[in-house]
PDB file of N, CA and C in Angstrom:
ATOM      1  N   MET A   1       6.155  19.606  16.042  1.00  0.00           N
ATOM      2  CA  MET A   1       6.574  18.346  15.361  1.00  0.00           C
ATOM      3  C   MET A   1       5.313  18.156  14.930  1.00  0.00           C
ATOM      4  N   SER A   2       5.761  17.274  13.852  1.00  0.00           N
ATOM      5  CA  SER A   2       4.799  16.827  12.442  1.00  0.00           C
ATOM      6  C   SER A   2       4.128  15.649  12.891  1.00  0.00           C
ATOM      7  N   MET A   3       2.824  16.130  12.563  1.00  0.00           N
ATOM      8  CA  MET A   3       1.714  15.240  12.455  1.00  0.00           C
ATOM      9  C   MET A   3       1.713  14.232  11.439  1.00  0.00           C
ATOM     10  N   TYR A   4       1.781  12.693  11.796  1.00  0.00           N
ATOM     11  CA  TYR A   4       1.814  11.800  10.628  1.00  0.00           C
ATOM     12  C   TYR A   4       0.314  11.076  10.764  1.00  0.00           C
ATOM     13  N   GLN A   5      -0.166  10.737   9.223  1.00  0.00           N
ATOM     14  CA  GLN A   5      -1.119  10.426   9.544  1.00  0.00           C
ATOM     15  C   GLN A   5      -1.237   8.926   8.713  1.00  0.00           C
ATOM     16  N   ARG A   6      -1.981   8.096   9.707  1.00  0.00           N
ATOM     17  CA  ARG A   6      -1.828   6.696   9.643  1.00  0.00           C
ATOM     18  C   ARG A   6      -2.846   5.911   8.985  1.00  0.00           C
ATOM     19  N   VAL A   7      -3.216   5.120   7.956  1.00  0.00           N
ATOM     20  CA  VAL A   7      -4.372   4.487   7.344  1.00  0.00           C
ATOM     21  C   VAL A   7      -3.887   3.078   7.263  1.00  0.00           C
ATOM     22  N   GLN A   8      -5.223   2.387   7.642  1.00  0.00           N
ATOM     23  CA  GLN A   8      -5.221   1.034   7.337  1.00  0.00           C
ATOM     24  C   GLN A   8      -5.745   0.383   6.157  1.00  0.00           C
ATOM     25  N   VAL A   9      -4.904  -0.494   5.250  1.00  0.00           N
ATOM     26  CA  VAL A   9      -5.617  -0.897   3.774  1.00  0.00           C
ATOM     27  C   VAL A   9      -5.549  -2.557   4.132  1.00  0.00           C
ATOM     28  N   VAL A  10      -6.600  -3.074   3.437  1.00  0.00           N
ATOM     29  CA  VAL A  10      -6.418  -4.572   3.364  1.00  0.00           C
ATOM     30  C   VAL A  10      -6.313  -4.706   1.667  1.00  0.00           C
ATOM     31  N   LEU A  11      -4.929  -5.291   1.574  1.00  0.00           N
ATOM     32  CA  LEU A  11      -4.774  -5.333   0.159  1.00  0.00           C
ATOM     33  C   LEU A  11      -4.655  -6.868  -0.313  1.00  0.00           C
ATOM     34  N   LYS A  12      -5.001  -7.029  -1.640  1.00  0.00           N
ATOM     35  CA  LYS A  12      -5.266  -8.729  -1.755  1.00  0.00           C
ATOM     36  C   LYS A  12      -4.517  -8.574  -3.788  1.00  0.00           C
ATOM     37  N   ILE A  13      -3.222  -8.145  -3.576  1.00  0.00           N
ATOM     38  CA  ILE A  13      -2.458  -8.091  -4.934  1.00  0.00           C
ATOM     39  C   ILE A  13      -1.857  -9.504  -5.355  1.00  0.00           C
ATOM     40  N   PRO A  14      -2.268 -10.272  -6.634  1.00  0.00           N
ATOM     41  CA  PRO A  14      -1.842 -11.531  -6.844  1.00  0.00           C
ATOM     42  C   PRO A  14      -0.581 -10.887  -7.566  1.00  0.00           C
ATOM     43  N   ALA A  15       0.434 -12.039  -7.437  1.00  0.00           N
ATOM     44  CA  ALA A  15       1.761 -12.023  -8.246  1.00  0.00           C
ATOM     45  C   ALA A  15       1.537 -11.235  -9.656  1.00  0.00           C
ATOM     46  N   HIS A  16       0.771 -11.823 -10.183  1.00  0.00           N
ATOM     47  CA  HIS A  16       0.672 -11.236 -11.791  1.00  0.00           C
ATOM     48  C   HIS A  16       0.384 -10.208 -12.091  1.00  0.00           C
ATOM     49  N   GLN A  17      -0.146  -9.489 -11.076  1.00  0.00           N
ATOM     50  CA  GLN A  17      -1.028  -8.062 -11.263  1.00  0.00           C
ATOM     51  C   GLN A  17       0.229  -7.313 -10.807  1.00  0.00           C
ATOM     52  N   LEU A  18       0.928  -7.631 -10.008  1.00  0.00           N
ATOM     53  CA  LEU A  18       1.988  -6.849  -9.356  1.00  0.00           C
ATOM     54  C   LEU A  18       3.166  -6.472 -10.647  1.00  0.00           C
ATOM     55  N   GLU A  19       3.043  -7.668 -11.762  1.00  0.00           N
ATOM     56  CA  GLU A  19       3.941  -7.593 -12.735  1.00  0.00           C
ATOM     57  C   GLU A  19       3.719  -6.144 -13.457  1.00  0.00           C
ATOM     58  N   LEU A  20       2.325  -5.815 -13.704  1.00  0.00           N
ATOM     59  CA  LEU A  20       1.992  -4.770 -14.325  1.00  0.00           C
ATOM     60  C   LEU A  20       2.758  -3.413 -13.677  1.00  0.00           C
ATOM     61  N   TYR A  21       2.757  -3.335 -12.276  1.00  0.00           N
ATOM     62  CA  TYR A  21       3.398  -2.362 -11.482  1.00  0.00           C
ATOM     63  C   TYR A  21       4.997  -2.196 -12.230  1.00  0.00           C
ATOM     64  N   TYR A  22       5.412  -3.532 -11.804  1.00  0.00           N
ATOM     65  CA  TYR A  22       6.810  -3.686 -12.403  1.00  0.00           C
ATOM     66  C   TYR A  22       7.462  -2.844 -13.430  1.00  0.00           C
ATOM     67  N   GLU A  23       6.751  -3.020 -14.774  1.00  0.00           N
ATOM     68  CA  GLU A  23       6.718  -3.176 -15.806  1.00  0.00           C
ATOM     69  C   GLU A  23       6.142  -1.542 -16.287  1.00  0.00           C
ATOM     70  N   GLY A  24       5.884  -1.044 -15.270  1.00  0.00           N
ATOM     71  CA  GLY A  24       5.318   0.370 -15.527  1.00  0.00           C
ATOM     72  C   GLY A  24       4.279   0.717 -16.135  1.00  0.00           C
ATOM     73  N   ALA A  25       3.549  -0.125 -16.303  1.00  0.00           N
ATOM     74  CA  ALA A  25       1.971   0.037 -17.162  1.00  0.00           C
ATOM     75  C   ALA A  25       1.245   0.738 -15.809  1.00  0.00           C
ATOM     76  N   ILE A  26       1.087   0.216 -14.637  1.00  0.00           N
ATOM     77  CA  ILE A  26       0.639   1.229 -13.515  1.00  0.00           C
ATOM     78  C   ILE A  26       1.383   1.693 -12.731  1.00  0.00           C
ATOM     79  N   ASP A  27       1.246   2.913 -12.080  1.00  0.00           N
ATOM     80  CA  ASP A  27       2.370   3.252 -11.078  1.00  0.00           C
ATOM     81  C   ASP A  27       1.614   3.829  -9.876  1.00  0.00           C
ATOM     82  N   THR A  28       0.310   3.369  -9.688  1.00  0.00           N
ATOM     83  CA  THR A  28      -0.845   4.020  -8.638  1.00  0.00           C
ATOM     84  C   THR A  28      -1.231   3.035  -8.338  1.00  0.00           C
ATOM     85  N   VAL A  29      -1.478   2.442  -6.901  1.00  0.00           N
ATOM     86  CA  VAL A  29      -2.596   1.710  -6.198  1.00  0.00           C
ATOM     87  C   VAL A  29      -3.411   2.587  -5.716  1.00  0.00           C
ATOM     88  N   ALA A  30      -4.633   1.971  -5.993  1.00  0.00           N
ATOM     89  CA  ALA A  30      -5.838   2.592  -5.160  1.00  0.00           C
ATOM     90  C   ALA A  30      -6.755   1.769  -4.062  1.00  0.00           C
ATOM     91  N   ALA A  31      -6.505   1.779  -2.808  1.00  0.00           N
ATOM     92  CA  ALA A  31      -7.265   0.748  -2.007  1.00  0.00           C
ATOM     93  C   ALA A  31      -7.986   1.659  -1.069  1.00  0.00           C
ATOM     94  N   LYS A  32      -9.285   0.490  -0.529  1.00  0.00           N
ATOM     95  CA  LYS A  32      -9.829   1.091   0.193  1.00  0.00           C
ATOM     96  C   LYS A  32      -9.158   0.846   1.923  1.00  0.00           C
ATOM     97  N   THR A  33      -9.612   2.174   2.813  1.00  0.00           N
ATOM     98  CA  THR A  33      -9.066   2.073   3.978  1.00  0.00           C
ATOM     99  C   THR A  33     -10.429   1.082   4.818  1.00  0.00           C
ATOM    100  N   THR A  34      -9.625   0.686   6.044  1.00  0.00           N
ATOM    101  CA  THR A  34     -10.381  -0.216   7.222  1.00  0.00           C
ATOM    102  C   THR A  34     -11.649   0.837   7.268  1.00  0.00           C
ATOM    103  N   ASP A  35     -11.953   2.232   7.142  1.00  0.00           N
ATOM    104  CA  ASP A  35     -13.030   2.932   7.338  1.00  0.00           C
ATOM    105  C   ASP A  35     -13.675   3.429   6.422  1.00  0.00           C
ATOM    106  N   GLY A  36     -13.309   2.811   5.132  1.00  0.00           N
ATOM    107  CA  GLY A  36     -14.123   3.000   4.257  1.00  0.00           C
ATOM    108  C   GLY A  36     -13.285   3.931   3.081  1.00  0.00           C
ATOM    109  N   ARG A  37     -12.614   4.976   3.297  1.00  0.00           N
ATOM    110  CA  ARG A  37     -12.345   5.793   2.107  1.00  0.00           C
ATOM    111  C   ARG A  37     -11.427   4.903   1.119  1.00  0.00           C
ATOM    112  N   ILE A  38     -11.163   5.701   0.187  1.00  0.00           N
ATOM    113  CA  ILE A  38     -10.541   5.598  -0.968  1.00  0.00           C
ATOM    114  C   ILE A  38      -9.095   5.782  -1.063  1.00  0.00           C
ATOM    115  N   ILE A  39      -7.897   5.495  -0.887  1.00  0.00           N
ATOM    116  CA  ILE A  39      -6.636   5.985  -1.108  1.00  0.00           C
ATOM    117  C   ILE A  39      -5.750   5.566  -2.548  1.00  0.00           C
ATOM    118  N   HIS A  40      -5.004   6.641  -2.971  1.00  0.00           N
ATOM    119  CA  HIS A  40      -3.912   6.219  -3.843  1.00  0.00           C
ATOM    120  C   HIS A  40      -2.580   6.757  -3.434  1.00  0.00           C
ATOM    121  N   PHE A  41      -1.702   5.663  -3.437  1.00  0.00           N
ATOM    122  CA  PHE A  41      -0.330   6.069  -3.416  1.00  0.00           C
ATOM    123  C   PHE A  41       0.494   5.121  -4.610  1.00  0.00           C
ATOM    124  N   PRO A  42       1.843   5.456  -4.338  1.00  0.00           N
ATOM    125  CA  PRO A  42       2.686   5.326  -5.347  1.00  0.00           C
ATOM    126  C   PRO A  42       2.824   3.471  -5.455  1.00  0.00           C
ATOM    127  N   ALA A  43       2.785   3.072  -6.294  1.00  0.00           N
ATOM    128  CA  ALA A  43       3.022   1.229  -6.541  1.00  0.00           C
ATOM    129  C   ALA A  43       4.350   0.703  -5.825  1.00  0.00           C
ATOM    130  N   ASN A  44       5.326   1.712  -5.649  1.00  0.00           N
ATOM    131  CA  ASN A  44       6.467   1.314  -5.640  1.00  0.00           C
ATOM    132  C   ASN A  44       7.156   1.227  -4.048  1.00  0.00           C
ATOM    133  N   VAL A  45       5.883   1.714  -3.398  1.00  0.00           N
ATOM    134  CA  VAL A  45       5.792   1.403  -1.759  1.00  0.00           C
ATOM    135  C   VAL A  45       5.711   0.136  -1.142  1.00  0.00           C
ATOM    136  N   LEU A  46       5.093  -0.693  -2.389  1.00  0.00           N
ATOM    137  CA  LEU A  46       4.798  -1.826  -1.811  1.00  0.00           C
ATOM    138  C   LEU A  46       6.290  -3.127  -2.180  1.00  0.00           C
ATOM    139  N   ARG A  47       7.032  -2.574  -2.391  1.00  0.00           N
ATOM    140  CA  ARG A  47       8.238  -3.302  -2.488  1.00  0.00           C
ATOM    141  C   ARG A  47       8.767  -4.024  -1.379  1.00  0.00           C
ATOM    142  N   SER A  48       8.615  -3.603   0.139  1.00  0.00           N
ATOM    143  CA  SER A  48       9.195  -4.272   1.161  1.00  0.00           C
ATOM    144  C   SER A  48       8.310  -4.970   1.508  1.00  0.00           C
ATOM    145  N   VAL A  49       7.062  -5.355   0.957  1.00  0.00           N
ATOM    146  CA  VAL A  49       5.654  -6.417   1.471  1.00  0.00           C
ATOM    147  C   VAL A  49       5.384  -7.157   0.772  1.00  0.00           C
ATOM    148  N   VAL A  50       6.338  -6.979  -0.725  1.00  0.00           N
ATOM    149  CA  VAL A  50       5.855  -8.353  -1.745  1.00  0.00           C
ATOM    150  C   VAL A  50       6.286  -9.341  -1.107  1.00  0.00           C
ATOM    151  N   GLN A  51       5.580 -10.645  -1.508  1.00  0.00           N
ATOM    152  CA  GLN A  51       5.872 -12.235  -1.145  1.00  0.00           C
ATOM    153  C   GLN A  51       5.676 -12.732  -2.326  1.00  0.00           C
ATOM    154  N   SER A  52       6.188 -14.030  -2.705  1.00  0.00           N
ATOM    155  CA  SER A  52       6.257 -14.809  -3.904  1.00  0.00           C
ATOM    156  C   SER A  52       4.876 -14.638  -4.441  1.00  0.00           C
ATOM    157  N   HIS A  53       3.757 -14.491  -3.721  1.00  0.00           N
ATOM    158  CA  HIS A  53       2.421 -15.181  -4.252  1.00  0.00           C
ATOM    159  C   HIS A  53       1.814 -13.637  -4.447  1.00  0.00           C
ATOM    160  N   GLY A  54       2.131 -12.553  -3.928  1.00  0.00           N
ATOM    161  CA  GLY A  54       1.784 -11.561  -4.274  1.00  0.00           C
ATOM    162  C   GLY A  54       1.845 -10.483  -2.531  1.00  0.00           C
ATOM    163  N   VAL A  55       0.840  -9.731  -3.052  1.00  0.00           N
ATOM    164  CA  VAL A  55       0.634  -8.477  -1.346  1.00  0.00           C
ATOM    165  C   VAL A  55      -0.702  -8.899  -0.813  1.00  0.00           C
ATOM    166  N   TYR A  56      -0.771  -9.694   0.255  1.00  0.00           N
ATOM    167  CA  TYR A  56      -1.940  -9.708   0.924  1.00  0.00           C
ATOM    168  C   TYR A  56      -2.083  -9.615   1.987  1.00  0.00           C
ATOM    169  N   GLY A  57      -2.992  -8.993   2.713  1.00  0.00           N
ATOM    170  CA  GLY A  57      -2.767  -8.796   4.507  1.00  0.00           C
ATOM    171  C   GLY A  57      -3.543  -7.360   4.600  1.00  0.00           C
ATOM    172  N   THR A  58      -3.269  -6.938   5.745  1.00  0.00           N
ATOM    173  CA  THR A  58      -3.604  -5.746   6.443  1.00  0.00           C
ATOM    174  C   THR A  58      -2.470  -5.008   6.881  1.00  0.00           C
ATOM    175  N   PHE A  59      -2.389  -3.726   6.090  1.00  0.00           N
ATOM    176  CA  PHE A  59      -1.300  -2.932   6.392  1.00  0.00           C
ATOM    177  C   PHE A  59      -1.649  -1.482   7.031  1.00  0.00           C
ATOM    178  N   GLU A  60      -0.722  -1.026   7.366  1.00  0.00           N
ATOM    179  CA  GLU A  60      -0.604   0.505   8.054  1.00  0.00           C
ATOM    180  C   GLU A  60       0.266   1.116   7.029  1.00  0.00           C
ATOM    181  N   LEU A  61      -0.325   2.057   6.617  1.00  0.00           N
ATOM    182  CA  LEU A  61       0.627   3.535   5.531  1.00  0.00           C
ATOM    183  C   LEU A  61       0.818   4.607   6.399  1.00  0.00           C
ATOM    184  N   VAL A  62       1.756   5.205   6.615  1.00  0.00           N
ATOM    185  CA  VAL A  62       1.997   6.092   6.977  1.00  0.00           C
ATOM    186  C   VAL A  62       2.519   7.437   6.145  1.00  0.00           C
ATOM    187  N   PHE A  63       2.068   8.610   6.167  1.00  0.00           N
ATOM    188  CA  PHE A  63       2.048   9.823   5.360  1.00  0.00           C
ATOM    189  C   PHE A  63       2.248  10.898   6.361  1.00  0.00           C
ATOM    190  N   ASP A  64       3.411  12.048   5.757  1.00  0.00           N
ATOM    191  CA  ASP A  64       3.567  13.036   6.306  1.00  0.00           C
ATOM    192  C   ASP A  64       2.434  14.473   6.104  1.00  0.00           C
ATOM    193  N   GLU A  65       2.794  14.810   6.857  1.00  0.00           N
ATOM    194  CA  GLU A  65       1.340  16.624   7.159  1.00  0.00           C
ATOM    195  C   GLU A  65       1.417  16.891   5.557  1.00  0.00           C
ATOM    196  N   LYS A  66       2.340  16.529   4.546  1.00  0.00           N
ATOM    197  CA  LYS A  66       2.168  16.976   3.225  1.00  0.00           C
ATOM    198  C   LYS A  66       1.677  15.971   2.234  1.00  0.00           C
ATOM    199  N   HIS A  67       1.184  14.618   2.869  1.00  0.00           N
ATOM    200  CA  HIS A  67       0.571  13.385   2.338  1.00  0.00           C
ATOM    201  C   HIS A  67       2.054  12.832   1.416  1.00  0.00           C
ATOM    202  N   LYS A  68       2.940  12.833   1.697  1.00  0.00           N
ATOM    203  CA  LYS A  68       3.887  12.247   1.690  1.00  0.00           C
ATOM    204  C   LYS A  68       4.248  11.038   2.065  1.00  0.00           C
ATOM    205  N   PHE A  69       4.688   9.790   1.455  1.00  0.00           N
ATOM    206  CA  PHE A  69       4.558   8.288   1.873  1.00  0.00           C
ATOM    207  C   PHE A  69       5.841   8.469   3.109  1.00  0.00           C
ATOM    208  N   VAL A  70       5.580   7.746   4.217  1.00  0.00           N
ATOM    209  CA  VAL A  70       6.733   7.363   5.209  1.00  0.00           C
ATOM    210  C   VAL A  70       6.751   6.139   5.424  1.00  0.00           C
ATOM    211  N   SER A  71       5.985   5.171   5.644  1.00  0.00           N
ATOM    212  CA  SER A  71       6.298   3.948   5.782  1.00  0.00           C
ATOM    213  C   SER A  71       5.073   3.074   5.433  1.00  0.00           C
ATOM    214  N   ILE A  72       5.534   1.866   5.274  1.00  0.00           N
ATOM    215  CA  ILE A  72       4.220   0.965   5.301  1.00  0.00           C
ATOM    216  C   ILE A  72       4.418  -0.636   6.254  1.00  0.00           C
ATOM    217  N   SER A  73       3.900  -0.852   6.920  1.00  0.00           N
ATOM    218  CA  SER A  73       4.104  -2.364   7.396  1.00  0.00           C
ATOM    219  C   SER A  73       2.669  -2.979   7.810  1.00  0.00           C
ATOM    220  N   ARG A  74       3.064  -4.275   7.713  1.00  0.00           N
ATOM    221  CA  ARG A  74       2.059  -5.294   7.594  1.00  0.00           C
ATOM    222  C   ARG A  74       1.383  -5.410   9.292  1.00  0.00           C
ATOM    223  N   ILE A  75       0.251  -5.642   8.848  1.00  0.00           N
ATOM    224  CA  ILE A  75      -0.361  -5.631  10.647  1.00  0.00           C
ATOM    225  C   ILE A  75      -0.865  -7.225  10.538  1.00  0.00           C
ATOM    226  N   HIS A  76      -1.511  -7.804   9.532  1.00  0.00           N
ATOM    227  CA  HIS A  76      -1.884  -9.260   9.656  1.00  0.00           C
ATOM    228  C   HIS A  76      -1.819  -9.482   8.181  1.00  0.00           C
ATOM    229  N   ASN A  77      -1.606 -10.832   8.423  1.00  0.00           N
ATOM    230  CA  ASN A  77      -1.624 -11.714   6.807  1.00  0.00           C
ATOM    231  C   ASN A  77      -3.113 -11.922   6.658  1.00  0.00           C
ATOM    232  N   GLU A  78      -3.320 -12.277   5.540  1.00  0.00           N
ATOM    233  CA  GLU A  78      -4.566 -12.634   4.860  1.00  0.00           C
ATOM    234  C   GLU A  78      -4.295 -14.442   4.723  1.00  0.00           C
TER     235      GLU A  78
END
């Protein structure tokens, strides 16, 4: 059975900053976890949680045992 790692991050990314991700100028997001660590993940994982004003809220990211992204889900809106 595989062991998935779950981390929670608070994201506050305005819509105009997301354009840099879509244009390919930036391909990685750095975020602070709720326990104080800094993690990096591919910007394209945000696509499912983008709203018209950007990405705001607390999210849970799930990674597999090889640190490959599995899922993102919104926990709280900001």
